[in-house]
Amino acid sequence: MTNGTPSSIQTLIGDALRETNDLARKEIALFRNEMTSNVRSLFIGLALMVGAAVFAVVALFVLVGALVKWVAILVQSDAIAASIVGGVLLVVAIGLALWGKNAMSLSTLAPTRTTRQVREDARVLSERVSG
């Protein structure tokens, strides 16, 4: 071996370690950003579920009031109007609940971009080492 070879190997190892360190730092930053986004989606889903609950309670009160008016007055337009309003609020509550449930699903929390990037980086590194 020549005198330049050990130095070259040390340089290559040093470069590989620096690149690995940089890559790990970037992967951690990507993971952190993705998890922040996913947690934000979870809180939005939670807020939508709370909104759905509020609309459901309001719809329940309106529908009960409509039923009482309908039974008391039988065929007055106030009861029909209250039923329509209560039905619309109930539809809004169901829509918000479904939207919130979708936003809070566990599959949206999984760091898919980070996982994909780590696999790609591992593939590239293995190609570099073998190639």
Protein backbone atom coordinates (compact mmCIF):
# COMPACT_ATOMS: atom_id res chain seq x y z
CA MET A 1 0.00 0.00 0.00
CA THR A 2 1.11 3.51 -0.64
CA ASN A 3 1.20 6.30 1.89
CA GLY A 4 -1.83 7.94 0.21
CA THR A 5 -4.09 4.91 0.60
CA PRO A 6 -4.67 4.96 4.39
CA SER A 7 -5.27 8.68 4.19
CA SER A 8 -7.78 8.12 1.36
CA ILE A 9 -9.58 5.45 3.34
CA GLN A 10 -9.71 7.71 6.39
CA THR A 11 -11.06 10.51 4.24
CA LEU A 12 -13.69 8.22 2.73
CA ILE A 13 -14.71 6.92 6.15
CA GLY A 14 -14.86 10.48 7.49
CA ASP A 15 -16.97 11.59 4.53
CA ALA A 16 -19.26 8.59 4.95
CA LEU A 17 -19.72 9.35 8.65
CA ARG A 18 -20.46 13.02 7.94
CA GLU A 19 -22.97 12.09 5.23
CA THR A 20 -24.60 9.54 7.52
CA ASN A 21 -24.82 12.14 10.29
CA ASP A 22 -26.32 14.71 7.90
CA LEU A 23 -28.76 12.12 6.58
CA ALA A 24 -29.84 11.11 10.08
CA ARG A 25 -30.34 14.77 11.02
CA LYS A 26 -32.47 15.34 7.90
CA GLU A 27 -34.51 12.19 8.58
CA ILE A 28 -35.19 13.32 12.14
CA ALA A 29 -36.23 16.78 10.93
CA LEU A 30 -38.55 15.20 8.34
CA PHE A 31 -40.03 12.92 11.00
CA ARG A 32 -40.52 15.85 13.39
CA ASN A 33 -42.24 17.97 10.71
CA GLU A 34 -44.50 15.12 9.63
CA MET A 35 -45.50 14.25 13.19
CA THR A 36 -46.25 17.93 13.92
CA SER A 37 -48.54 18.00 10.89
CA ASN A 38 -50.19 14.72 11.92
CA VAL A 39 -50.77 15.89 15.50
CA ARG A 40 -52.23 19.13 14.14
CA SER A 41 -54.66 17.03 12.06
CA LEU A 42 -55.57 15.06 15.16
CA PHE A 43 -56.42 18.25 17.07
CA ILE A 44 -58.46 19.56 14.13
CA GLY A 45 -60.35 16.26 14.09
CA LEU A 46 -60.95 16.55 17.81
CA ALA A 47 -62.25 20.12 17.39
CA LEU A 48 -64.57 18.93 14.61
CA MET A 49 -65.89 16.17 16.87
CA VAL A 50 -66.58 18.73 19.62
CA GLY A 51 -68.34 20.89 17.02
CA ALA A 52 -70.37 17.86 15.93
CA ALA A 53 -71.36 17.22 19.54
CA VAL A 54 -72.51 20.82 19.97
CA PHE A 55 -74.59 20.63 16.78
CA ALA A 56 -76.01 17.27 17.87
CA VAL A 57 -77.12 18.67 21.23
CA VAL A 58 -78.68 21.70 19.58
CA ALA A 59 -80.38 19.44 17.02
CA LEU A 60 -81.70 17.23 19.78
CA PHE A 61 -83.21 20.19 21.63
CA VAL A 62 -84.76 21.57 18.44
CA LEU A 63 -86.15 18.18 17.44
CA VAL A 64 -87.59 17.59 20.91
CA GLY A 65 -89.08 21.10 20.86
CA ALA A 66 -90.48 20.38 17.40
CA LEU A 67 -91.98 17.12 18.57
CA VAL A 68 -93.59 18.81 21.58
CA LYS A 69 -95.01 21.57 19.38
CA TRP A 70 -96.18 19.04 16.84
CA VAL A 71 -97.94 16.94 19.40
CA ALA A 72 -99.42 20.00 21.18
CA ILE A 73 -100.51 21.88 18.11
CA LEU A 74 -100.76 18.87 15.76
CA VAL A 75 -100.41 20.36 12.29
CA GLN A 76 -99.04 23.89 12.71
CA SER A 77 -96.23 25.26 10.57
CA ASP A 78 -94.04 26.07 13.60
CA ALA A 79 -93.52 22.38 14.28
CA ILE A 80 -92.73 21.64 10.63
CA ALA A 81 -90.24 24.52 10.53
CA ALA A 82 -88.58 23.35 13.74
CA SER A 83 -88.37 19.81 12.34
CA ILE A 84 -86.68 21.08 9.17
CA VAL A 85 -84.17 23.15 11.18
CA GLY A 86 -83.51 20.26 13.57
CA GLY A 87 -83.03 17.86 10.65
CA VAL A 88 -80.57 20.22 8.95
CA LEU A 89 -78.57 20.63 12.18
CA LEU A 90 -78.51 16.87 12.61
CA VAL A 91 -77.16 16.44 9.07
CA VAL A 92 -74.47 19.06 9.82
CA ALA A 93 -73.54 17.21 13.04
CA ILE A 94 -73.26 13.89 11.21
CA GLY A 95 -71.11 15.50 8.51
CA LEU A 96 -68.77 17.09 11.07
CA ALA A 97 -68.53 13.83 13.02
CA LEU A 98 -67.58 11.85 9.91
CA TRP A 99 -65.05 14.50 8.87
CA GLY A 100 -63.55 14.55 12.38
CA LYS A 101 -63.42 10.75 12.53
CA ASN A 102 -61.55 10.69 9.23
CA ALA A 103 -59.08 13.34 10.43
CA MET A 104 -58.44 11.41 13.66
CA SER A 105 -57.84 7.98 12.12
CA LEU A 106 -54.59 6.29 13.11
CA SER A 107 -53.55 5.91 9.48
CA THR A 108 -53.22 9.71 9.20
CA LEU A 109 -50.79 9.73 12.13
CA ALA A 110 -48.33 7.27 10.60
CA PRO A 111 -45.19 9.05 9.29
CA THR A 112 -45.49 7.67 5.75
CA ARG A 113 -43.22 10.22 4.06
CA THR A 114 -40.46 9.64 6.60
CA THR A 115 -40.76 5.85 6.24
CA ARG A 116 -40.62 6.14 2.44
CA GLN A 117 -37.62 8.49 2.63
CA VAL A 118 -35.72 6.21 5.04
CA ARG A 119 -36.28 3.23 2.71
CA GLU A 120 -35.09 5.27 -0.27
CA ASP A 121 -32.01 6.49 1.62
CA ALA A 122 -31.19 2.94 2.74
CA ARG A 123 -31.47 1.78 -0.88
CA VAL A 124 -29.18 4.57 -2.10
CA LEU A 125 -26.64 3.89 0.66
CA SER A 126 -26.61 0.17 -0.09
CA GLU A 127 -26.08 0.91 -3.78
CA ARG A 128 -23.18 3.24 -2.89
CA VAL A 129 -21.56 0.67 -0.64
CA SER A 130 -21.97 -2.20 -3.13
CA GLY A 131 -21.25 -0.07 -6.20
